[in-house]
């Protein structure tokens, strides 16, 4: 099928991803058709297959890109005290995810729609991220700064708590993102000490 006049792969490809991200976040993966994505982009449905082989691949690519970006951006300095590292992790997690609400929603809510192979890959990336936080907690326990009986459960609880900010926080509300981050940092610190 011929490309729509004026479309360019370096422009249309990213627009396909942006449209899919927006539509999957708003209506859910199962409810969004390739035709709906094409309409959002302004191309014929058949043209989408120049950019992705199918909707599953598109979902996987969005999730993998999000997780890869997350893993590339997170930093930890093991030479620092565990409590400072935990504070830095809390601030990073809240800010990174706040800037990407649609990607976060898809990364958490659409896992069930991945094929088993794609699910395993994304879960592996998620585990890598979780392992970073768990190492901070383990180091804190080892140095006597933290008192956590099960670092894996604490890790999952902290990540769930921090990710939850995306569901309710709105800019312009009673508290700024900096104030929310400071309060969450204090709550997390109290939970592990």
N, C-alpha and C. Protein backbone atom coordinates (compact mmCIF):
# COMPACT_ATOMS: atom_id res chain seq x y z
N UNK A 1 0.85 -1.17 0.00
CA UNK A 1 0.00 0.00 0.00
C UNK A 1 0.89 1.23 0.00
N UNK A 2 0.53 2.20 -0.77
CA UNK A 2 1.32 3.42 -0.89
C UNK A 2 1.21 4.26 0.38
N UNK A 3 2.28 4.96 0.65
CA UNK A 3 2.31 5.85 1.80
C UNK A 3 1.41 7.05 1.52
N UNK A 4 0.75 7.57 2.57
CA UNK A 4 -0.08 8.75 2.42
C UNK A 4 0.81 9.92 2.03
N UNK A 5 0.35 10.74 1.12
CA UNK A 5 1.13 11.89 0.67
C UNK A 5 1.54 12.73 1.87
N UNK A 6 2.83 13.09 1.90
CA UNK A 6 3.33 13.92 2.98
C UNK A 6 3.78 13.14 4.21
N UNK A 7 3.61 11.81 4.22
CA UNK A 7 4.04 11.05 5.39
C UNK A 7 5.50 10.65 5.21
N UNK A 8 6.23 10.65 6.30
CA UNK A 8 7.63 10.28 6.30
C UNK A 8 7.85 9.33 7.47
N UNK A 9 8.64 8.28 7.25
CA UNK A 9 8.81 7.26 8.28
C UNK A 9 9.41 7.83 9.56
N UNK A 10 10.31 8.80 9.46
CA UNK A 10 10.93 9.35 10.66
C UNK A 10 9.97 10.24 11.45
N UNK A 11 8.87 10.65 10.82
CA UNK A 11 7.84 11.45 11.49
C UNK A 11 6.66 10.55 11.86
N UNK A 12 6.23 9.74 10.92
CA UNK A 12 5.03 8.93 11.13
C UNK A 12 5.26 7.82 12.15
N UNK A 13 6.44 7.19 12.14
CA UNK A 13 6.72 6.12 13.11
C UNK A 13 6.53 6.58 14.55
N UNK A 14 7.18 7.67 14.95
CA UNK A 14 6.96 8.17 16.32
C UNK A 14 5.51 8.59 16.58
N UNK A 15 4.84 9.10 15.56
CA UNK A 15 3.43 9.49 15.74
C UNK A 15 2.55 8.26 15.97
N UNK A 16 2.88 7.15 15.35
CA UNK A 16 2.15 5.90 15.57
C UNK A 16 2.31 5.48 17.03
N UNK A 17 3.53 5.55 17.54
CA UNK A 17 3.79 5.17 18.93
C UNK A 17 3.07 6.11 19.90
N UNK A 18 3.12 7.41 19.63
CA UNK A 18 2.45 8.39 20.49
C UNK A 18 0.94 8.17 20.50
N UNK A 19 0.38 7.90 19.33
CA UNK A 19 -1.07 7.68 19.24
C UNK A 19 -1.45 6.40 19.99
N UNK A 20 -0.68 5.34 19.81
CA UNK A 20 -0.96 4.09 20.51
C UNK A 20 -0.86 4.28 22.02
N UNK A 21 0.17 4.99 22.47
CA UNK A 21 0.34 5.25 23.89
C UNK A 21 -0.88 5.98 24.45
N UNK A 22 -1.28 7.02 23.78
CA UNK A 22 -2.44 7.82 24.21
C UNK A 22 -3.72 6.98 24.23
N UNK A 23 -3.96 6.25 23.16
CA UNK A 23 -5.20 5.48 23.05
C UNK A 23 -5.23 4.28 24.00
N UNK A 24 -4.11 3.58 24.14
CA UNK A 24 -4.05 2.45 25.08
C UNK A 24 -4.28 2.93 26.50
N UNK A 25 -3.70 4.07 26.86
CA UNK A 25 -3.86 4.61 28.22
C UNK A 25 -5.30 5.06 28.46
N UNK A 26 -5.92 5.61 27.45
CA UNK A 26 -7.29 6.14 27.62
C UNK A 26 -8.35 5.04 27.59
N UNK A 27 -8.21 4.09 26.67
CA UNK A 27 -9.27 3.11 26.50
C UNK A 27 -8.91 1.68 26.78
N UNK A 28 -7.63 1.42 27.00
CA UNK A 28 -7.18 0.05 27.22
C UNK A 28 -6.79 -0.61 25.91
N UNK A 29 -5.78 -1.44 26.00
CA UNK A 29 -5.22 -2.12 24.83
C UNK A 29 -6.29 -2.90 24.06
N UNK A 30 -7.10 -3.67 24.77
CA UNK A 30 -8.08 -4.55 24.11
C UNK A 30 -9.13 -3.76 23.33
N UNK A 31 -9.44 -2.56 23.78
CA UNK A 31 -10.49 -1.78 23.14
C UNK A 31 -10.01 -0.94 21.97
N UNK A 32 -8.70 -0.87 21.76
CA UNK A 32 -8.15 -0.02 20.71
C UNK A 32 -7.80 -0.87 19.49
N UNK A 33 -8.30 -0.45 18.36
CA UNK A 33 -8.01 -1.17 17.12
C UNK A 33 -6.89 -0.47 16.36
N UNK A 34 -6.31 -1.19 15.44
CA UNK A 34 -5.30 -0.59 14.57
C UNK A 34 -5.93 0.53 13.74
N UNK A 35 -7.19 0.37 13.38
CA UNK A 35 -7.89 1.44 12.65
C UNK A 35 -7.97 2.71 13.47
N UNK A 36 -8.23 2.57 14.77
CA UNK A 36 -8.32 3.74 15.65
C UNK A 36 -6.96 4.44 15.74
N UNK A 37 -5.90 3.66 15.83
CA UNK A 37 -4.55 4.24 15.87
C UNK A 37 -4.27 4.96 14.56
N UNK A 38 -4.60 4.32 13.45
CA UNK A 38 -4.39 4.94 12.14
C UNK A 38 -5.15 6.25 12.02
N UNK A 39 -6.39 6.26 12.47
CA UNK A 39 -7.21 7.47 12.40
C UNK A 39 -6.59 8.58 13.24
N UNK A 40 -6.07 8.24 14.41
CA UNK A 40 -5.42 9.23 15.29
C UNK A 40 -4.19 9.83 14.62
N UNK A 41 -3.45 8.99 13.89
CA UNK A 41 -2.24 9.45 13.21
C UNK A 41 -2.57 10.18 11.92
N UNK A 42 -3.70 9.80 11.30
CA UNK A 42 -4.09 10.41 10.03
C UNK A 42 -3.55 9.65 8.83
N UNK A 43 -3.42 8.33 8.98
CA UNK A 43 -2.98 7.48 7.87
C UNK A 43 -3.99 6.36 7.68
N UNK A 44 -3.88 5.66 6.57
CA UNK A 44 -4.75 4.51 6.34
C UNK A 44 -4.29 3.37 7.25
N UNK A 45 -5.24 2.53 7.65
CA UNK A 45 -4.94 1.44 8.59
C UNK A 45 -3.81 0.55 8.07
N UNK A 46 -3.82 0.25 6.82
CA UNK A 46 -2.78 -0.61 6.24
C UNK A 46 -1.39 0.00 6.33
N UNK A 47 -1.31 1.32 6.38
CA UNK A 47 -0.02 2.00 6.47
C UNK A 47 0.68 1.74 7.79
N UNK A 48 -0.09 1.41 8.83
CA UNK A 48 0.53 1.15 10.13
C UNK A 48 1.51 -0.01 10.09
N UNK A 49 1.26 -0.95 9.19
CA UNK A 49 2.10 -2.13 9.12
C UNK A 49 3.47 -1.83 8.51
N UNK A 50 3.67 -0.59 8.06
CA UNK A 50 5.01 -0.15 7.67
C UNK A 50 5.84 0.15 8.92
N UNK A 51 5.18 0.33 10.06
CA UNK A 51 5.84 0.77 11.29
C UNK A 51 5.82 -0.28 12.40
N UNK A 52 4.91 -1.22 12.32
CA UNK A 52 4.82 -2.28 13.32
C UNK A 52 4.13 -3.49 12.70
N UNK A 53 4.59 -4.70 13.02
CA UNK A 53 3.94 -5.86 12.41
C UNK A 53 2.53 -6.12 12.94
N UNK A 54 2.27 -5.71 14.20
CA UNK A 54 0.94 -5.94 14.77
C UNK A 54 0.79 -5.14 16.06
N UNK A 55 -0.41 -5.17 16.61
CA UNK A 55 -0.72 -4.40 17.82
C UNK A 55 0.06 -4.92 19.03
N UNK A 56 0.27 -6.22 19.15
CA UNK A 56 1.02 -6.80 20.25
C UNK A 56 2.45 -6.26 20.27
N UNK A 57 3.07 -6.21 19.10
CA UNK A 57 4.43 -5.69 19.00
C UNK A 57 4.48 -4.23 19.41
N UNK A 58 3.47 -3.48 19.03
CA UNK A 58 3.38 -2.07 19.39
C UNK A 58 3.29 -1.92 20.91
N UNK A 59 2.45 -2.71 21.56
CA UNK A 59 2.32 -2.66 23.02
C UNK A 59 3.65 -3.03 23.68
N UNK A 60 4.25 -4.11 23.22
CA UNK A 60 5.53 -4.55 23.77
C UNK A 60 6.59 -3.48 23.61
N UNK A 61 6.67 -2.88 22.43
CA UNK A 61 7.67 -1.83 22.17
C UNK A 61 7.48 -0.64 23.10
N UNK A 62 6.23 -0.25 23.35
CA UNK A 62 5.97 0.86 24.26
C UNK A 62 6.43 0.52 25.67
N UNK A 63 6.11 -0.69 26.12
CA UNK A 63 6.52 -1.10 27.48
C UNK A 63 8.03 -1.24 27.59
N UNK A 64 8.63 -1.86 26.60
CA UNK A 64 10.08 -2.06 26.65
C UNK A 64 10.80 -0.72 26.61
N UNK A 65 10.33 0.20 25.78
CA UNK A 65 10.95 1.53 25.73
C UNK A 65 10.87 2.23 27.07
N UNK A 66 9.70 2.14 27.70
CA UNK A 66 9.53 2.77 29.01
C UNK A 66 10.50 2.17 30.03
N UNK A 67 10.57 0.85 30.08
CA UNK A 67 11.44 0.20 31.05
C UNK A 67 12.92 0.45 30.76
N UNK A 68 13.29 0.48 29.50
CA UNK A 68 14.67 0.74 29.13
C UNK A 68 15.06 2.17 29.51
N UNK A 69 14.17 3.11 29.26
CA UNK A 69 14.42 4.50 29.64
C UNK A 69 14.54 4.62 31.16
N UNK A 70 13.66 3.93 31.88
CA UNK A 70 13.69 3.94 33.34
C UNK A 70 15.02 3.41 33.86
N UNK A 71 15.44 2.27 33.34
CA UNK A 71 16.69 1.66 33.80
C UNK A 71 17.91 2.49 33.43
N UNK A 72 17.84 3.19 32.30
CA UNK A 72 18.95 4.05 31.90
C UNK A 72 19.05 5.29 32.77
N UNK A 73 17.91 5.76 33.27
CA UNK A 73 17.88 7.01 34.02
C UNK A 73 18.16 6.83 35.51
N UNK A 74 17.80 5.68 36.08
CA UNK A 74 17.98 5.50 37.52
C UNK A 74 19.47 5.38 37.85
N UNK A 75 19.85 6.08 38.91
CA UNK A 75 21.26 6.05 39.34
C UNK A 75 21.32 5.72 40.81
N UNK A 76 22.33 4.98 41.20
CA UNK A 76 22.55 4.67 42.61
C UNK A 76 24.05 4.71 42.86
N UNK A 77 24.44 5.35 43.92
CA UNK A 77 25.85 5.43 44.28
C UNK A 77 26.08 4.62 45.55
N UNK A 78 26.54 3.38 45.42
CA UNK A 78 26.71 2.51 46.58
C UNK A 78 27.73 3.02 47.60
N UNK A 79 28.49 4.05 47.25
CA UNK A 79 29.44 4.60 48.21
C UNK A 79 28.75 5.54 49.20
N UNK A 80 27.51 5.92 48.89
CA UNK A 80 26.75 6.81 49.78
C UNK A 80 26.02 5.99 50.85
N UNK A 81 25.65 6.64 51.96
CA UNK A 81 24.87 5.93 52.99
C UNK A 81 23.52 5.47 52.43
N UNK A 82 23.03 4.36 52.94
CA UNK A 82 21.79 3.77 52.43
C UNK A 82 20.60 4.72 52.55
N UNK A 83 20.53 5.50 53.63
CA UNK A 83 19.38 6.40 53.77
C UNK A 83 19.40 7.50 52.72
N UNK A 84 20.57 7.99 52.34
CA UNK A 84 20.67 8.99 51.27
C UNK A 84 20.31 8.36 49.93
N UNK A 85 20.73 7.13 49.72
CA UNK A 85 20.40 6.43 48.47
C UNK A 85 18.90 6.20 48.35
N UNK A 86 18.27 5.84 49.48
CA UNK A 86 16.82 5.61 49.48
C UNK A 86 16.09 6.91 49.18
N UNK A 87 16.51 7.99 49.78
CA UNK A 87 15.89 9.30 49.53
C UNK A 87 16.01 9.67 48.05
N UNK A 88 17.18 9.43 47.46
CA UNK A 88 17.39 9.71 46.04
C UNK A 88 16.50 8.83 45.17
N UNK A 89 16.34 7.56 45.55
CA UNK A 89 15.48 6.66 44.78
C UNK A 89 14.04 7.14 44.81
N UNK A 90 13.54 7.52 45.98
CA UNK A 90 12.17 8.00 46.12
C UNK A 90 11.94 9.22 45.21
N UNK A 91 12.85 10.18 45.28
CA UNK A 91 12.72 11.39 44.46
C UNK A 91 12.76 11.04 42.98
N UNK A 92 13.69 10.18 42.60
CA UNK A 92 13.78 9.79 41.19
C UNK A 92 12.49 9.12 40.73
N UNK A 93 12.02 8.15 41.48
CA UNK A 93 10.85 7.37 41.06
C UNK A 93 9.63 8.28 40.87
N UNK A 94 9.38 9.14 41.83
CA UNK A 94 8.21 10.01 41.74
C UNK A 94 8.33 10.95 40.54
N UNK A 95 9.46 11.59 40.38
CA UNK A 95 9.63 12.56 39.29
C UNK A 95 9.61 11.89 37.91
N UNK A 96 10.30 10.78 37.79
CA UNK A 96 10.36 10.09 36.50
C UNK A 96 8.97 9.66 36.07
N UNK A 97 8.23 9.06 36.98
CA UNK A 97 6.91 8.55 36.64
C UNK A 97 5.88 9.66 36.48
N UNK A 98 5.99 10.73 37.24
CA UNK A 98 5.07 11.84 37.11
C UNK A 98 5.11 12.44 35.70
N UNK A 99 6.28 12.45 35.10
CA UNK A 99 6.46 13.03 33.76
C UNK A 99 5.94 12.11 32.65
N UNK A 100 5.55 10.88 32.97
CA UNK A 100 5.15 9.89 31.96
C UNK A 100 3.90 9.13 32.39
N UNK A 101 2.80 9.79 32.68
CA UNK A 101 1.64 9.08 33.24
C UNK A 101 1.07 8.00 32.32
N UNK A 102 1.00 8.25 31.01
CA UNK A 102 0.44 7.25 30.10
C UNK A 102 1.34 6.01 30.03
N UNK A 103 2.64 6.22 29.93
CA UNK A 103 3.57 5.09 29.86
C UNK A 103 3.53 4.27 31.14
N UNK A 104 3.40 4.94 32.28
CA UNK A 104 3.33 4.24 33.56
C UNK A 104 2.04 3.42 33.64
N UNK A 105 0.93 4.02 33.24
CA UNK A 105 -0.34 3.32 33.27
C UNK A 105 -0.27 2.04 32.43
N UNK A 106 0.25 2.16 31.24
CA UNK A 106 0.35 1.00 30.35
C UNK A 106 1.31 -0.04 30.92
N UNK A 107 2.44 0.41 31.45
CA UNK A 107 3.44 -0.52 31.98
C UNK A 107 2.90 -1.35 33.14
N UNK A 108 1.96 -0.82 33.89
CA UNK A 108 1.41 -1.56 35.02
C UNK A 108 0.09 -2.27 34.70
N UNK A 109 -0.76 -1.62 33.91
CA UNK A 109 -2.11 -2.15 33.71
C UNK A 109 -2.26 -3.06 32.50
N UNK A 110 -1.34 -3.02 31.57
CA UNK A 110 -1.51 -3.81 30.35
C UNK A 110 -0.60 -5.04 30.29
N UNK A 111 0.06 -5.37 31.37
CA UNK A 111 0.91 -6.56 31.39
C UNK A 111 0.12 -7.81 31.00
N UNK A 112 -1.12 -7.86 31.42
CA UNK A 112 -1.96 -9.05 31.17
C UNK A 112 -2.20 -9.29 29.68
N UNK A 113 -1.99 -8.25 28.87
CA UNK A 113 -2.23 -8.38 27.44
C UNK A 113 -1.00 -8.76 26.62
N UNK A 114 0.11 -8.97 27.30
CA UNK A 114 1.32 -9.39 26.60
C UNK A 114 1.31 -10.90 26.38
N UNK A 115 1.94 -11.33 25.31
CA UNK A 115 2.15 -12.76 25.11
C UNK A 115 3.08 -13.25 26.22
N UNK A 116 3.09 -14.55 26.50
CA UNK A 116 3.97 -15.06 27.57
C UNK A 116 5.45 -14.67 27.39
N UNK A 117 5.94 -14.72 26.16
CA UNK A 117 7.35 -14.36 25.92
C UNK A 117 7.59 -12.88 26.20
N UNK A 118 6.70 -12.03 25.72
CA UNK A 118 6.84 -10.59 25.95
C UNK A 118 6.69 -10.25 27.43
N UNK A 119 5.76 -10.92 28.08
CA UNK A 119 5.55 -10.72 29.52
C UNK A 119 6.83 -11.06 30.29
N UNK A 120 7.43 -12.18 29.97
CA UNK A 120 8.65 -12.60 30.67
C UNK A 120 9.76 -11.57 30.50
N UNK A 121 9.88 -11.01 29.31
CA UNK A 121 10.92 -10.01 29.06
C UNK A 121 10.67 -8.75 29.88
N UNK A 122 9.45 -8.24 29.85
CA UNK A 122 9.11 -7.02 30.60
C UNK A 122 9.25 -7.26 32.09
N UNK A 123 8.82 -8.42 32.57
CA UNK A 123 8.97 -8.76 33.99
C UNK A 123 10.44 -8.78 34.39
N UNK A 124 11.30 -9.26 33.49
CA UNK A 124 12.73 -9.26 33.77
C UNK A 124 13.27 -7.85 33.94
N UNK A 125 12.82 -6.93 33.09
CA UNK A 125 13.25 -5.54 33.21
C UNK A 125 12.72 -4.92 34.50
N UNK A 126 11.49 -5.24 34.84
CA UNK A 126 10.92 -4.73 36.10
C UNK A 126 11.69 -5.25 37.29
N UNK A 127 12.06 -6.53 37.24
CA UNK A 127 12.82 -7.12 38.34
C UNK A 127 14.18 -6.43 38.50
N UNK A 128 14.79 -6.07 37.39
CA UNK A 128 16.08 -5.36 37.45
C UNK A 128 15.92 -4.04 38.20
N UNK A 129 14.85 -3.33 37.91
CA UNK A 129 14.58 -2.06 38.59
C UNK A 129 14.32 -2.31 40.09
N UNK A 130 13.49 -3.29 40.38
CA UNK A 130 13.18 -3.62 41.78
C UNK A 130 14.44 -4.04 42.53
N UNK A 131 15.30 -4.79 41.85
CA UNK A 131 16.54 -5.26 42.49
C UNK A 131 17.42 -4.10 42.95
N UNK A 132 17.39 -3.00 42.20
CA UNK A 132 18.17 -1.83 42.60
C UNK A 132 17.71 -1.28 43.93
N UNK A 133 16.40 -1.15 44.10
CA UNK A 133 15.87 -0.67 45.38
C UNK A 133 16.12 -1.69 46.48
N UNK A 134 15.93 -2.97 46.16
CA UNK A 134 16.14 -3.99 47.18
C UNK A 134 17.59 -3.99 47.66
N UNK A 135 18.53 -3.72 46.77
CA UNK A 135 19.94 -3.66 47.19
C UNK A 135 20.17 -2.51 48.16
N UNK A 136 19.52 -1.38 47.92
CA UNK A 136 19.63 -0.25 48.86
C UNK A 136 19.12 -0.68 50.24
N UNK A 137 17.97 -1.35 50.25
CA UNK A 137 17.40 -1.80 51.53
C UNK A 137 18.31 -2.82 52.21
N UNK A 138 18.84 -3.76 51.45
CA UNK A 138 19.75 -4.76 52.03
C UNK A 138 20.98 -4.10 52.63
N UNK A 139 21.53 -3.13 51.89
CA UNK A 139 22.72 -2.43 52.40
C UNK A 139 22.39 -1.66 53.68
N UNK A 140 21.18 -1.09 53.71
CA UNK A 140 20.76 -0.38 54.92
C UNK A 140 20.58 -1.30 56.10
N UNK A 141 20.05 -2.49 55.85
CA UNK A 141 19.89 -3.48 56.92
C UNK A 141 21.27 -3.92 57.40
N UNK A 142 22.17 -4.19 56.46
CA UNK A 142 23.52 -4.65 56.81
C UNK A 142 24.28 -3.62 57.62
N UNK A 143 24.06 -2.34 57.33
CA UNK A 143 24.77 -1.29 58.07
C UNK A 143 24.05 -0.86 59.34
N UNK A 144 22.87 -1.45 59.60
CA UNK A 144 22.13 -1.14 60.81
C UNK A 144 21.27 0.12 60.72
N UNK A 145 21.17 0.70 59.53
CA UNK A 145 20.37 1.92 59.34
C UNK A 145 18.89 1.58 59.18
N UNK A 146 18.60 0.46 58.51
CA UNK A 146 17.22 0.04 58.28
C UNK A 146 16.91 -1.20 59.09
N UNK A 147 15.63 -1.35 59.41
CA UNK A 147 15.15 -2.53 60.13
C UNK A 147 14.00 -3.11 59.31
N UNK A 148 14.34 -3.98 58.38
CA UNK A 148 13.37 -4.58 57.46
C UNK A 148 13.52 -6.09 57.53
N UNK A 149 12.43 -6.79 57.84
CA UNK A 149 12.52 -8.24 57.96
C UNK A 149 12.53 -8.94 56.60
N UNK A 150 11.86 -8.37 55.60
CA UNK A 150 11.81 -8.97 54.26
C UNK A 150 12.00 -7.86 53.24
N UNK A 151 13.21 -7.76 52.71
CA UNK A 151 13.52 -6.65 51.79
C UNK A 151 12.75 -6.73 50.48
N UNK A 152 12.39 -7.93 50.05
CA UNK A 152 11.62 -8.06 48.80
C UNK A 152 10.22 -7.48 48.98
N UNK A 153 9.55 -7.83 50.06
CA UNK A 153 8.21 -7.29 50.31
C UNK A 153 8.28 -5.78 50.50
N UNK A 154 9.27 -5.31 51.23
CA UNK A 154 9.43 -3.87 51.43
C UNK A 154 9.65 -3.16 50.09
N UNK A 155 10.44 -3.76 49.23
CA UNK A 155 10.70 -3.19 47.90
C UNK A 155 9.41 -3.03 47.12
N UNK A 156 8.63 -4.10 47.05
CA UNK A 156 7.38 -4.06 46.28
C UNK A 156 6.39 -3.07 46.89
N UNK A 157 6.34 -3.00 48.21
CA UNK A 157 5.43 -2.06 48.88
C UNK A 157 5.84 -0.62 48.61
N UNK A 158 7.12 -0.34 48.66
CA UNK A 158 7.60 1.03 48.40
C UNK A 158 7.32 1.43 46.96
N UNK A 159 7.61 0.56 46.02
CA UNK A 159 7.37 0.89 44.61
C UNK A 159 5.88 1.12 44.36
N UNK A 160 5.03 0.29 44.93
CA UNK A 160 3.58 0.47 44.76
C UNK A 160 3.14 1.81 45.36
N UNK A 161 3.67 2.12 46.52
CA UNK A 161 3.31 3.39 47.17
C UNK A 161 3.75 4.58 46.33
N UNK A 162 4.97 4.55 45.83
CA UNK A 162 5.49 5.67 45.04
C UNK A 162 4.78 5.82 43.70
N UNK A 163 4.49 4.70 43.07
CA UNK A 163 3.81 4.74 41.78
C UNK A 163 2.39 5.26 41.93
N UNK A 164 1.80 5.03 43.10
CA UNK A 164 0.45 5.51 43.38
C UNK A 164 0.30 7.01 43.29
N UNK A 165 1.39 7.76 43.45
CA UNK A 165 1.32 9.22 43.34
C UNK A 165 0.72 9.61 41.99
N UNK A 166 1.05 8.86 40.95
CA UNK A 166 0.54 9.18 39.61
C UNK A 166 -0.98 9.12 39.52
N UNK A 167 -1.62 8.34 40.37
CA UNK A 167 -3.07 8.19 40.26
C UNK A 167 -3.83 9.36 40.85
N UNK A 168 -3.22 10.13 41.74
CA UNK A 168 -3.97 11.19 42.38
C UNK A 168 -3.34 12.57 42.31
N UNK A 169 -2.02 12.68 42.15
CA UNK A 169 -1.38 13.99 42.18
C UNK A 169 -1.67 14.78 40.91
N UNK A 170 -2.02 16.04 41.10
CA UNK A 170 -2.23 16.96 39.99
C UNK A 170 -1.45 18.24 40.28
N UNK A 171 -0.71 18.73 39.31
CA UNK A 171 -0.01 20.00 39.47
C UNK A 171 -1.02 21.09 39.74
N UNK A 172 -0.64 22.06 40.56
CA UNK A 172 -1.55 23.15 40.89
C UNK A 172 -2.44 22.84 42.08
N UNK A 173 -2.24 21.68 42.69
CA UNK A 173 -3.04 21.30 43.86
C UNK A 173 -2.50 21.94 45.13
N UNK A 174 -2.95 21.44 46.25
CA UNK A 174 -2.58 21.98 47.56
C UNK A 174 -1.08 21.92 47.80
N UNK A 175 -0.42 20.84 47.35
CA UNK A 175 1.01 20.67 47.56
C UNK A 175 1.73 20.55 46.22
N UNK A 176 2.95 21.03 46.18
CA UNK A 176 3.77 20.91 44.97
C UNK A 176 4.36 19.50 44.89
N UNK A 177 4.90 19.16 43.73
CA UNK A 177 5.54 17.86 43.58
C UNK A 177 6.74 17.75 44.53
N UNK A 178 7.46 18.83 44.73
CA UNK A 178 8.58 18.81 45.69
C UNK A 178 8.10 18.50 47.10
N UNK A 179 6.99 19.10 47.50
CA UNK A 179 6.44 18.85 48.84
C UNK A 179 5.96 17.40 48.97
N UNK A 180 5.31 16.91 47.94
CA UNK A 180 4.85 15.51 47.95
C UNK A 180 6.05 14.57 48.04
N UNK A 181 7.08 14.86 47.26
CA UNK A 181 8.28 14.03 47.26
C UNK A 181 8.92 14.01 48.64
N UNK A 182 9.00 15.15 49.28
CA UNK A 182 9.58 15.22 50.63
C UNK A 182 8.76 14.41 51.62
N UNK A 183 7.44 14.51 51.54
CA UNK A 183 6.59 13.76 52.47
C UNK A 183 6.70 12.26 52.22
N UNK A 184 6.72 11.86 50.97
CA UNK A 184 6.85 10.43 50.66
C UNK A 184 8.21 9.90 51.10
N UNK A 185 9.23 10.71 50.92
CA UNK A 185 10.57 10.30 51.35
C UNK A 185 10.58 10.04 52.86
N UNK A 186 9.93 10.92 53.60
CA UNK A 186 9.84 10.75 55.06
C UNK A 186 9.04 9.50 55.42
N UNK A 187 7.91 9.27 54.73
CA UNK A 187 7.09 8.09 55.02
C UNK A 187 7.85 6.79 54.72
N UNK A 188 8.56 6.76 53.59
CA UNK A 188 9.33 5.58 53.24
C UNK A 188 10.42 5.35 54.26
N UNK A 189 11.12 6.40 54.66
CA UNK A 189 12.18 6.28 55.64
C UNK A 189 11.66 5.71 56.96
N UNK A 190 10.52 6.22 57.41
CA UNK A 190 9.92 5.72 58.65
C UNK A 190 9.52 4.25 58.52
N UNK A 191 9.08 3.86 57.34
CA UNK A 191 8.63 2.48 57.13
C UNK A 191 9.78 1.48 57.23
N UNK A 192 10.99 1.91 56.96
CA UNK A 192 12.11 0.97 56.94
C UNK A 192 13.07 1.13 58.12
N UNK A 193 12.77 2.07 59.02
CA UNK A 193 13.67 2.27 60.18
C UNK A 193 12.98 1.86 61.47
